Amino acid sequence: MRSEKQGWRIGIAIAVVLAAVAYLAVSGVQSNKSYYVTIQELQAMGPKAYTRHLRVAGNVEPGSIHRSGTKVNFVLVENANKLHVTYLGEDPPPDTFKDDSQALAIGTYDHDGVFRATQLQAKCASKYAPANTKPATVNQASAVKTPSSAVMP
């Protein structure tokens, strides 16, 4: 009888531990999930926007970048929509973060209408675009012709 009680206790303890691990795994995945939205979608989300971890992309408005130590304020633009962003990340913004560059801000949206970014990614598409070159043409007069039956001395 004693071993049956002990077996039940061990079984219950194992079930409690497994339930706690499952809960932590599910809640950890939910808290790390971030939704990609456009600026227009973000502004139309209503109260849901304040409770989610989000990713928002757009072009950096020229002249909007203001740096103060590690804090950077700027404006993202998508069509006619604008979003004020404050970046408070641990790392400085990437070198490609400049006016008119494409940027992806990852963070949360506040009730004051400012997006608080904890991560910032930027790319400058023009830097990596291939150069616009014309196909080379061969000038017939300057082409060197060698006979196919050349004799070596």
N, C-alpha and C. Protein backbone atom coordinates (compact mmCIF):
# COMPACT_ATOMS: atom_id res chain seq x y z
N MET A 1 0.81 -1.18 0.00
CA MET A 1 0.00 0.00 0.00
C MET A 1 0.86 1.26 0.00
N ARG A 2 1.95 1.17 0.72
CA ARG A 2 2.85 2.30 0.78
C ARG A 2 3.47 2.60 -0.58
N SER A 3 3.84 1.58 -1.32
CA SER A 3 4.46 1.78 -2.63
C SER A 3 3.47 2.35 -3.64
N GLU A 4 2.17 2.01 -3.51
CA GLU A 4 1.16 2.59 -4.39
C GLU A 4 1.03 4.09 -4.17
N LYS A 5 1.01 4.52 -2.89
CA LYS A 5 0.93 5.95 -2.58
C LYS A 5 2.15 6.68 -3.10
N GLN A 6 3.30 6.08 -2.95
CA GLN A 6 4.54 6.70 -3.41
C GLN A 6 4.55 6.79 -4.93
N GLY A 7 4.04 5.79 -5.61
CA GLY A 7 3.96 5.82 -7.07
C GLY A 7 3.06 6.93 -7.57
N TRP A 8 1.91 7.11 -6.89
CA TRP A 8 1.00 8.20 -7.26
C TRP A 8 1.65 9.56 -7.05
N ARG A 9 2.37 9.72 -5.96
CA ARG A 9 3.02 10.99 -5.67
C ARG A 9 4.08 11.32 -6.74
N ILE A 10 4.83 10.33 -7.11
CA ILE A 10 5.86 10.53 -8.14
C ILE A 10 5.20 10.88 -9.48
N GLY A 11 4.12 10.18 -9.80
CA GLY A 11 3.39 10.44 -11.04
C GLY A 11 2.83 11.85 -11.08
N ILE A 12 2.26 12.29 -9.96
CA ILE A 12 1.70 13.64 -9.88
C ILE A 12 2.82 14.68 -9.99
N ALA A 13 3.94 14.44 -9.33
CA ALA A 13 5.08 15.38 -9.40
C ALA A 13 5.60 15.49 -10.83
N ILE A 14 5.71 14.37 -11.53
CA ILE A 14 6.17 14.39 -12.92
C ILE A 14 5.17 15.14 -13.80
N ALA A 15 3.88 14.93 -13.57
CA ALA A 15 2.86 15.63 -14.36
C ALA A 15 2.92 17.14 -14.12
N VAL A 16 3.13 17.57 -12.88
CA VAL A 16 3.23 19.00 -12.57
C VAL A 16 4.45 19.61 -13.25
N VAL A 17 5.59 18.92 -13.20
CA VAL A 17 6.81 19.42 -13.83
C VAL A 17 6.63 19.52 -15.35
N LEU A 18 6.05 18.51 -15.98
CA LEU A 18 5.82 18.53 -17.42
C LEU A 18 4.85 19.64 -17.81
N ALA A 19 3.81 19.87 -17.02
CA ALA A 19 2.86 20.94 -17.31
C ALA A 19 3.55 22.30 -17.20
N ALA A 20 4.41 22.47 -16.20
CA ALA A 20 5.12 23.75 -16.04
C ALA A 20 6.07 23.98 -17.21
N VAL A 21 6.78 22.96 -17.65
CA VAL A 21 7.69 23.10 -18.78
C VAL A 21 6.91 23.42 -20.06
N ALA A 22 5.78 22.76 -20.26
CA ALA A 22 4.96 23.03 -21.45
C ALA A 22 4.43 24.47 -21.43
N TYR A 23 3.98 24.94 -20.28
CA TYR A 23 3.49 26.31 -20.16
C TYR A 23 4.58 27.32 -20.47
N LEU A 24 5.77 27.10 -19.91
CA LEU A 24 6.88 28.03 -20.17
C LEU A 24 7.28 28.03 -21.64
N ALA A 25 7.26 26.87 -22.28
CA ALA A 25 7.62 26.80 -23.70
C ALA A 25 6.61 27.56 -24.55
N VAL A 26 5.33 27.36 -24.31
CA VAL A 26 4.29 28.02 -25.09
C VAL A 26 4.30 29.53 -24.84
N SER A 27 4.42 29.95 -23.60
CA SER A 27 4.41 31.39 -23.31
C SER A 27 5.67 32.07 -23.84
N GLY A 28 6.79 31.36 -23.85
CA GLY A 28 8.02 31.91 -24.41
C GLY A 28 7.92 32.12 -25.91
N VAL A 29 7.33 31.20 -26.60
CA VAL A 29 7.14 31.33 -28.05
C VAL A 29 6.19 32.48 -28.35
N GLN A 30 5.12 32.61 -27.57
CA GLN A 30 4.15 33.69 -27.79
C GLN A 30 4.77 35.06 -27.56
N SER A 31 5.63 35.18 -26.54
CA SER A 31 6.22 36.49 -26.24
C SER A 31 7.28 36.88 -27.26
N ASN A 32 7.92 35.92 -27.92
CA ASN A 32 8.95 36.22 -28.90
C ASN A 32 8.41 36.38 -30.31
N LYS A 33 7.14 36.10 -30.51
CA LYS A 33 6.54 36.19 -31.83
C LYS A 33 6.37 37.66 -32.20
N SER A 34 6.76 38.01 -33.41
CA SER A 34 6.55 39.39 -33.86
C SER A 34 5.84 39.35 -35.21
N TYR A 35 4.89 40.26 -35.36
CA TYR A 35 4.09 40.32 -36.56
C TYR A 35 4.64 41.39 -37.49
N TYR A 36 4.74 41.07 -38.79
CA TYR A 36 5.17 42.05 -39.78
C TYR A 36 3.92 42.78 -40.28
N VAL A 37 3.94 44.09 -40.15
CA VAL A 37 2.82 44.91 -40.62
C VAL A 37 3.36 46.11 -41.39
N THR A 38 2.54 46.63 -42.28
CA THR A 38 2.89 47.88 -42.96
C THR A 38 2.49 49.03 -42.03
N ILE A 39 2.94 50.24 -42.35
CA ILE A 39 2.60 51.40 -41.53
C ILE A 39 1.08 51.61 -41.54
N GLN A 40 0.48 51.45 -42.69
CA GLN A 40 -0.97 51.63 -42.81
C GLN A 40 -1.72 50.59 -41.95
N GLU A 41 -1.27 49.34 -41.99
CA GLU A 41 -1.90 48.30 -41.18
C GLU A 41 -1.73 48.57 -39.69
N LEU A 42 -0.55 49.05 -39.31
CA LEU A 42 -0.28 49.37 -37.91
C LEU A 42 -1.23 50.44 -37.40
N GLN A 43 -1.41 51.49 -38.18
CA GLN A 43 -2.27 52.59 -37.76
C GLN A 43 -3.74 52.20 -37.76
N ALA A 44 -4.10 51.14 -38.49
CA ALA A 44 -5.49 50.68 -38.53
C ALA A 44 -5.78 49.56 -37.52
N MET A 45 -4.77 49.08 -36.81
CA MET A 45 -4.95 47.95 -35.90
C MET A 45 -5.74 48.31 -34.65
N GLY A 46 -5.73 49.55 -34.26
CA GLY A 46 -6.44 49.95 -33.05
C GLY A 46 -5.69 49.49 -31.80
N PRO A 47 -6.44 49.13 -30.75
CA PRO A 47 -5.81 48.75 -29.47
C PRO A 47 -4.91 47.51 -29.55
N LYS A 48 -5.13 46.64 -30.53
CA LYS A 48 -4.28 45.45 -30.67
C LYS A 48 -2.81 45.82 -30.91
N ALA A 49 -2.58 46.97 -31.53
CA ALA A 49 -1.22 47.39 -31.87
C ALA A 49 -0.37 47.63 -30.63
N TYR A 50 -1.00 47.97 -29.50
CA TYR A 50 -0.25 48.29 -28.30
C TYR A 50 0.19 47.07 -27.51
N THR A 51 -0.34 45.91 -27.84
CA THR A 51 -0.05 44.71 -27.05
C THR A 51 0.82 43.70 -27.78
N ARG A 52 1.22 44.00 -28.99
CA ARG A 52 1.97 43.03 -29.79
C ARG A 52 3.38 43.51 -30.09
N HIS A 53 4.25 42.53 -30.26
CA HIS A 53 5.62 42.79 -30.71
C HIS A 53 5.56 42.82 -32.24
N LEU A 54 5.99 43.93 -32.86
CA LEU A 54 5.76 44.14 -34.29
C LEU A 54 7.05 44.42 -35.05
N ARG A 55 6.98 44.21 -36.36
CA ARG A 55 8.03 44.59 -37.32
C ARG A 55 7.39 45.51 -38.34
N VAL A 56 7.99 46.68 -38.52
CA VAL A 56 7.45 47.65 -39.48
C VAL A 56 8.57 48.10 -40.40
N ALA A 57 8.29 48.11 -41.69
CA ALA A 57 9.30 48.51 -42.68
C ALA A 57 8.86 49.76 -43.41
N GLY A 58 9.85 50.48 -43.91
CA GLY A 58 9.58 51.67 -44.70
C GLY A 58 10.88 52.32 -45.10
N ASN A 59 10.79 53.47 -45.76
CA ASN A 59 11.97 54.23 -46.14
C ASN A 59 12.19 55.34 -45.12
N VAL A 60 13.45 55.60 -44.80
CA VAL A 60 13.78 56.64 -43.84
C VAL A 60 13.59 58.00 -44.52
N GLU A 61 12.77 58.84 -43.91
CA GLU A 61 12.50 60.16 -44.47
C GLU A 61 13.77 61.01 -44.41
N PRO A 62 14.15 61.62 -45.54
CA PRO A 62 15.36 62.46 -45.55
C PRO A 62 15.28 63.60 -44.53
N GLY A 63 16.34 63.77 -43.77
CA GLY A 63 16.43 64.83 -42.77
C GLY A 63 15.75 64.52 -41.45
N SER A 64 15.21 63.31 -41.29
CA SER A 64 14.47 63.00 -40.06
C SER A 64 15.32 62.30 -39.00
N ILE A 65 16.55 61.93 -39.33
CA ILE A 65 17.38 61.19 -38.38
C ILE A 65 18.01 62.16 -37.38
N HIS A 66 17.73 61.93 -36.09
CA HIS A 66 18.29 62.74 -35.01
C HIS A 66 18.90 61.79 -33.98
N ARG A 67 20.21 61.88 -33.80
CA ARG A 67 20.92 60.98 -32.89
C ARG A 67 21.24 61.69 -31.59
N SER A 68 21.12 60.94 -30.49
CA SER A 68 21.48 61.44 -29.17
C SER A 68 22.08 60.27 -28.40
N GLY A 69 23.40 60.11 -28.50
CA GLY A 69 24.06 58.94 -27.90
C GLY A 69 23.66 57.69 -28.65
N THR A 70 23.10 56.72 -27.92
CA THR A 70 22.65 55.49 -28.58
C THR A 70 21.18 55.58 -29.01
N LYS A 71 20.51 56.66 -28.64
CA LYS A 71 19.11 56.85 -29.02
C LYS A 71 19.04 57.53 -30.39
N VAL A 72 18.15 57.02 -31.25
CA VAL A 72 17.97 57.59 -32.58
C VAL A 72 16.48 57.77 -32.83
N ASN A 73 16.09 58.98 -33.19
CA ASN A 73 14.72 59.27 -33.60
C ASN A 73 14.70 59.49 -35.11
N PHE A 74 13.71 58.93 -35.78
CA PHE A 74 13.58 59.11 -37.23
C PHE A 74 12.14 58.83 -37.64
N VAL A 75 11.86 59.05 -38.91
CA VAL A 75 10.51 58.83 -39.45
C VAL A 75 10.60 57.82 -40.59
N LEU A 76 9.75 56.81 -40.52
CA LEU A 76 9.62 55.85 -41.62
C LEU A 76 8.45 56.29 -42.50
N VAL A 77 8.62 56.17 -43.80
CA VAL A 77 7.60 56.58 -44.76
C VAL A 77 7.26 55.39 -45.65
N GLU A 78 5.96 55.21 -45.86
CA GLU A 78 5.46 54.18 -46.79
C GLU A 78 4.30 54.82 -47.54
N ASN A 79 4.50 55.07 -48.81
CA ASN A 79 3.53 55.82 -49.62
C ASN A 79 3.28 57.16 -48.94
N ALA A 80 2.05 57.45 -48.52
CA ALA A 80 1.75 58.72 -47.86
C ALA A 80 1.73 58.59 -46.34
N ASN A 81 1.98 57.38 -45.82
CA ASN A 81 1.91 57.12 -44.38
C ASN A 81 3.27 57.34 -43.73
N LYS A 82 3.24 57.95 -42.54
CA LYS A 82 4.48 58.21 -41.80
C LYS A 82 4.37 57.61 -40.40
N LEU A 83 5.51 57.17 -39.88
CA LEU A 83 5.57 56.60 -38.54
C LEU A 83 6.81 57.12 -37.84
N HIS A 84 6.62 57.77 -36.70
CA HIS A 84 7.75 58.24 -35.89
C HIS A 84 8.31 57.06 -35.11
N VAL A 85 9.62 56.89 -35.17
CA VAL A 85 10.28 55.75 -34.53
C VAL A 85 11.37 56.26 -33.60
N THR A 86 11.46 55.66 -32.43
CA THR A 86 12.56 55.90 -31.50
C THR A 86 13.28 54.58 -31.31
N TYR A 87 14.55 54.56 -31.67
CA TYR A 87 15.37 53.35 -31.52
C TYR A 87 16.18 53.46 -30.24
N LEU A 88 16.01 52.48 -29.35
CA LEU A 88 16.71 52.46 -28.08
C LEU A 88 17.49 51.16 -27.91
N GLY A 89 18.04 50.64 -28.98
CA GLY A 89 18.73 49.37 -28.92
C GLY A 89 20.09 49.46 -28.26
N GLU A 90 20.66 48.31 -27.97
CA GLU A 90 21.98 48.24 -27.36
C GLU A 90 23.08 48.53 -28.38
N ASP A 91 22.86 48.10 -29.61
CA ASP A 91 23.85 48.30 -30.67
C ASP A 91 23.56 49.59 -31.42
N PRO A 92 24.60 50.24 -31.95
CA PRO A 92 24.35 51.43 -32.77
C PRO A 92 23.66 51.02 -34.08
N PRO A 93 22.97 51.95 -34.72
CA PRO A 93 22.33 51.62 -36.00
C PRO A 93 23.37 51.16 -37.02
N PRO A 94 22.99 50.33 -37.97
CA PRO A 94 23.93 49.86 -38.99
C PRO A 94 24.45 51.00 -39.85
N ASP A 95 25.60 50.78 -40.49
CA ASP A 95 26.21 51.81 -41.36
C ASP A 95 25.31 52.18 -42.53
N THR A 96 24.48 51.26 -42.96
CA THR A 96 23.61 51.51 -44.10
C THR A 96 22.35 52.29 -43.72
N PHE A 97 22.21 52.63 -42.45
CA PHE A 97 21.05 53.40 -41.99
C PHE A 97 21.28 54.87 -42.28
N LYS A 98 20.68 55.35 -43.37
CA LYS A 98 20.86 56.73 -43.84
C LYS A 98 19.55 57.23 -44.42
N ASP A 99 19.52 58.49 -44.80
CA ASP A 99 18.34 59.04 -45.46
C ASP A 99 18.01 58.23 -46.70
N ASP A 100 16.73 58.02 -46.93
CA ASP A 100 16.20 57.29 -48.09
C ASP A 100 16.53 55.80 -48.10
N SER A 101 17.14 55.27 -47.05
CA SER A 101 17.42 53.83 -47.03
C SER A 101 16.17 53.09 -46.55
N GLN A 102 16.09 51.83 -46.90
CA GLN A 102 15.00 50.99 -46.43
C GLN A 102 15.37 50.50 -45.04
N ALA A 103 14.42 50.58 -44.10
CA ALA A 103 14.70 50.16 -42.73
C ALA A 103 13.58 49.29 -42.21
N LEU A 104 13.94 48.39 -41.31
CA LEU A 104 12.99 47.52 -40.63
C LEU A 104 13.16 47.74 -39.14
N ALA A 105 12.10 48.23 -38.49
CA ALA A 105 12.13 48.49 -37.06
C ALA A 105 11.36 47.38 -36.36
N ILE A 106 11.94 46.83 -35.30
CA ILE A 106 11.33 45.74 -34.54
C ILE A 106 11.13 46.22 -33.11
N GLY A 107 9.89 46.19 -32.64
CA GLY A 107 9.61 46.66 -31.29
C GLY A 107 8.12 46.74 -31.00
N THR A 108 7.72 47.79 -30.26
CA THR A 108 6.33 47.93 -29.85
C THR A 108 5.83 49.33 -30.18
N TYR A 109 4.52 49.44 -30.32
CA TYR A 109 3.86 50.70 -30.65
C TYR A 109 3.25 51.27 -29.38
N ASP A 110 3.54 52.53 -29.07
CA ASP A 110 3.04 53.17 -27.86
C ASP A 110 1.78 53.97 -28.13
N HIS A 111 1.06 54.28 -27.05
CA HIS A 111 -0.19 55.06 -27.14
C HIS A 111 0.05 56.48 -27.66
N ASP A 112 1.29 56.97 -27.55
CA ASP A 112 1.58 58.33 -28.03
C ASP A 112 1.85 58.38 -29.54
N GLY A 113 1.72 57.23 -30.22
CA GLY A 113 1.90 57.18 -31.67
C GLY A 113 3.34 57.00 -32.11
N VAL A 114 4.24 56.73 -31.17
CA VAL A 114 5.65 56.52 -31.49
C VAL A 114 5.96 55.03 -31.39
N PHE A 115 6.67 54.52 -32.38
CA PHE A 115 7.09 53.12 -32.39
C PHE A 115 8.42 53.03 -31.66
N ARG A 116 8.50 52.23 -30.62
CA ARG A 116 9.72 52.04 -29.81
C ARG A 116 10.45 50.80 -30.32
N ALA A 117 11.52 51.02 -31.05
CA ALA A 117 12.27 49.92 -31.66
C ALA A 117 13.41 49.49 -30.75
N THR A 118 13.55 48.19 -30.61
CA THR A 118 14.68 47.63 -29.87
C THR A 118 15.70 47.02 -30.81
N GLN A 119 15.29 46.80 -32.06
CA GLN A 119 16.19 46.31 -33.11
C GLN A 119 15.93 47.13 -34.36
N LEU A 120 17.00 47.31 -35.13
CA LEU A 120 16.90 48.10 -36.35
C LEU A 120 17.76 47.46 -37.43
N GLN A 121 17.16 47.22 -38.57
CA GLN A 121 17.88 46.69 -39.72
C GLN A 121 17.71 47.67 -40.87
N ALA A 122 18.77 47.88 -41.62
CA ALA A 122 18.69 48.82 -42.74
C ALA A 122 19.46 48.27 -43.92
N LYS A 123 19.00 48.66 -45.10
CA LYS A 123 19.73 48.28 -46.31
C LYS A 123 19.63 49.41 -47.30
N CYS A 124 20.62 49.53 -48.11
CA CYS A 124 20.64 50.54 -49.16
C CYS A 124 20.69 49.79 -50.47
N ALA A 125 19.57 49.65 -51.12
CA ALA A 125 19.49 48.84 -52.34
C ALA A 125 20.39 49.37 -53.44
N SER A 126 20.56 50.68 -53.54
CA SER A 126 21.36 51.24 -54.62
C SER A 126 22.83 50.89 -54.49
N LYS A 127 23.28 50.64 -53.28
CA LYS A 127 24.69 50.32 -53.06
C LYS A 127 25.04 48.96 -53.67
N TYR A 128 24.07 48.05 -53.65
CA TYR A 128 24.34 46.69 -54.11
C TYR A 128 23.80 46.41 -55.50
N ALA A 129 23.19 47.39 -56.13
CA ALA A 129 22.65 47.20 -57.47
C ALA A 129 23.80 47.14 -58.48
N PRO A 130 23.67 46.32 -59.51
CA PRO A 130 24.74 46.25 -60.50
C PRO A 130 24.86 47.56 -61.28
N ALA A 131 26.07 47.86 -61.68
CA ALA A 131 26.31 49.09 -62.45
C ALA A 131 25.59 48.99 -63.78
N ASN A 132 25.12 50.12 -64.28
CA ASN A 132 24.40 50.16 -65.54
C ASN A 132 25.44 50.27 -66.66
N THR A 133 25.81 49.14 -67.26
CA THR A 133 26.83 49.15 -68.30
C THR A 133 26.22 48.70 -69.61
N LYS A 134 26.76 49.24 -70.70
CA LYS A 134 26.32 48.85 -72.04
C LYS A 134 27.15 47.65 -72.47
N PRO A 135 26.59 46.76 -73.28
CA PRO A 135 27.36 45.62 -73.75
C PRO A 135 28.53 46.10 -74.62
N ALA A 136 29.65 45.45 -74.43
CA ALA A 136 30.85 45.83 -75.19
C ALA A 136 30.67 45.47 -76.65
N THR A 137 31.06 46.38 -77.52
CA THR A 137 31.01 46.12 -78.96
C THR A 137 32.44 46.07 -79.48
N VAL A 138 32.67 45.21 -80.41
CA VAL A 138 34.01 45.05 -80.98
C VAL A 138 34.11 45.91 -82.23
N ASN A 139 35.11 46.74 -82.24
CA ASN A 139 35.36 47.59 -83.40
C ASN A 139 36.11 46.73 -84.43
N GLN A 140 35.53 46.56 -85.59
CA GLN A 140 36.10 45.69 -86.61
C GLN A 140 37.49 46.16 -87.04
N ALA A 141 37.72 47.44 -87.11
CA ALA A 141 39.00 47.96 -87.60
C ALA A 141 40.12 47.73 -86.60
N SER A 142 39.80 47.73 -85.32
CA SER A 142 40.86 47.59 -84.33
C SER A 142 41.06 46.14 -83.89
N ALA A 143 40.24 45.23 -84.38
CA ALA A 143 40.40 43.83 -84.00
C ALA A 143 41.66 43.26 -84.64
N VAL A 144 42.41 42.53 -83.86
CA VAL A 144 43.66 41.93 -84.35
C VAL A 144 43.31 40.56 -84.92
N LYS A 145 43.74 40.34 -86.15
CA LYS A 145 43.46 39.06 -86.81
C LYS A 145 44.76 38.30 -86.91
N THR A 146 44.68 37.05 -86.50
CA THR A 146 45.86 36.19 -86.61
C THR A 146 45.54 35.06 -87.54
N PRO A 147 46.49 34.74 -88.43
CA PRO A 147 46.23 33.63 -89.35
C PRO A 147 46.19 32.31 -88.57
N SER A 148 45.33 31.42 -88.97
CA SER A 148 45.19 30.15 -88.28
C SER A 148 46.31 29.18 -88.63
N SER A 149 47.04 29.48 -89.70
CA SER A 149 48.13 28.58 -90.09
C SER A 149 49.48 29.22 -89.89
N ALA A 150 49.63 29.91 -88.74
CA ALA A 150 50.90 30.59 -88.46
C ALA A 150 51.99 29.54 -88.23
N VAL A 151 53.20 29.81 -88.79
CA VAL A 151 54.31 28.89 -88.67
C VAL A 151 55.28 29.45 -87.64
N MET A 152 55.67 28.64 -86.72
CA MET A 152 56.64 29.06 -85.70
C MET A 152 58.03 28.78 -86.19
N PRO A 153 58.94 29.73 -86.05
CA PRO A 153 60.33 29.49 -86.53
C PRO A 153 61.09 28.54 -85.66
